[in-house]
Amino acid sequence: MNAQSAPTELMDGRVWEDFCESLKRAGQLVLANAPADAFDRAEGLRYAGRIASYALRNFIEESDPAAPQLAALPKLGGDNPDYLYSRAAISGEFEYRLRGTRGEASFLGFGSYHGDVGTEEGLRVSGYLAGAELETDGEGNFEIGISCREQPGNWLPMLPETSQLMIRQALVDRRRQRPAQFEIERLGERGAPRPLDAETYTRQLQQAGSYVEGAIAQFLAWSRNFAESPNQVLPLDPTLAGNAQGDPNTHYYGGYYEIGADEALLIDLQPPACEYWNLQLCNHWLESLDYEHHVVHVNHHGAVPDATGRVRVVVAHREPALPNWLDTAGHQRGGMFLRWVGTPDPYDPQCRVVPYREVAGESA
């Protein structure tokens, strides 16, 4: 896009029409890849709307790296029910200071990234700072320098092409743990935010439309890949993970459950020594299920192991007589994600489908 074409596209309305066409294609993509039932299709179109809402916020309202704002991420790509995600637009052109209090989060990770999901380049890690390496004062306060040049103390590296900051914190007991708190500022001379200009807005709206289509397409490819080996939890395919690099201190596994009303999926884990682990259920679109009202994930804090340390997770539509139940919350099918954090020895789960009566505590 050149400087002359942008105002024309804005003035004649084509940029808005093109954005609407992107939304239309995204909806068509959802319906073309949806299971046949109305429930999954309704969730798919809701998902497309959520991604569109996020894209407008991300690429327009919160997109200025000269005035970064920390904001929450949407349900996307197997978002973890234990995690609070924060994101801000940043740039290798500037330097930043992130201030915060450590709180009681079980796990913290700070990453700088370039690229994005849904693009040919993908989302790539520029730099990373693990919470275990974080230097704090006696009250848990800290500062992190974010820059391309190396700094003493807490430093999160950037590259010249860095475009976003992402923070993950795990609360394994959301009702009791006090989350970490953050605020970010750009260093150096600052003035009022730049006023909007036509070329910038045209580019932003085009980016938002491309993101909606690209992100939906990317994670549909994940869902299809998982569904090729139903009712298994396997290491995430490197070709998939390479386009959405997550936390570099985490081993990611993916899967797809599909069980009938009278079936249960058993997932046996032998957790290694690690900083954190979690197994969760998603819908077909890889959104986390409703963790506010259903038990849809299990972690190292709440899991009930047997005498050998093994954890048997039961995925079923109704509560069994065994511990570690994951409620499908009305879903016949959907994705699964397993995370092992801070271990060199991830464990490959063992999975099998059984009749529900075997876990129900009832006579056959």
Foldseek 3Di string as FASTA:
>chain_A
DDPVVLVVCVVVVVLVVVLVVLLVVLLVVQVVLFPPDPVRNVVSNVVLVVLLVVLCCPLPVQQDQQFWDWDFDAQAQQDDPQKTKIKIWHAQVFKKKKKKAAFFFLWKKKFWWADDFLDPQAIGTFWIDTPVQADAPPRRIGMEIEHCDDDPHHYTHGDRRTTMMMMITGDQPVVPTTHMDIDMHIDDDDDDDDDDDRNSVSVSSVSSSSSSNRRQVLLLVVLVVQVVDAFFKAFRDCVSCSRYPDGPQKGKIKHKYADDQFKKKKKKDQADDASKKKKFWDASSSGGDDVVVFQGMHMPVPFDAPPVRMGIAIEHCDDAPDPNYHHPVPHRMGMMMMMGGGDPDGDGIDMDMDGNVVGRPDDD
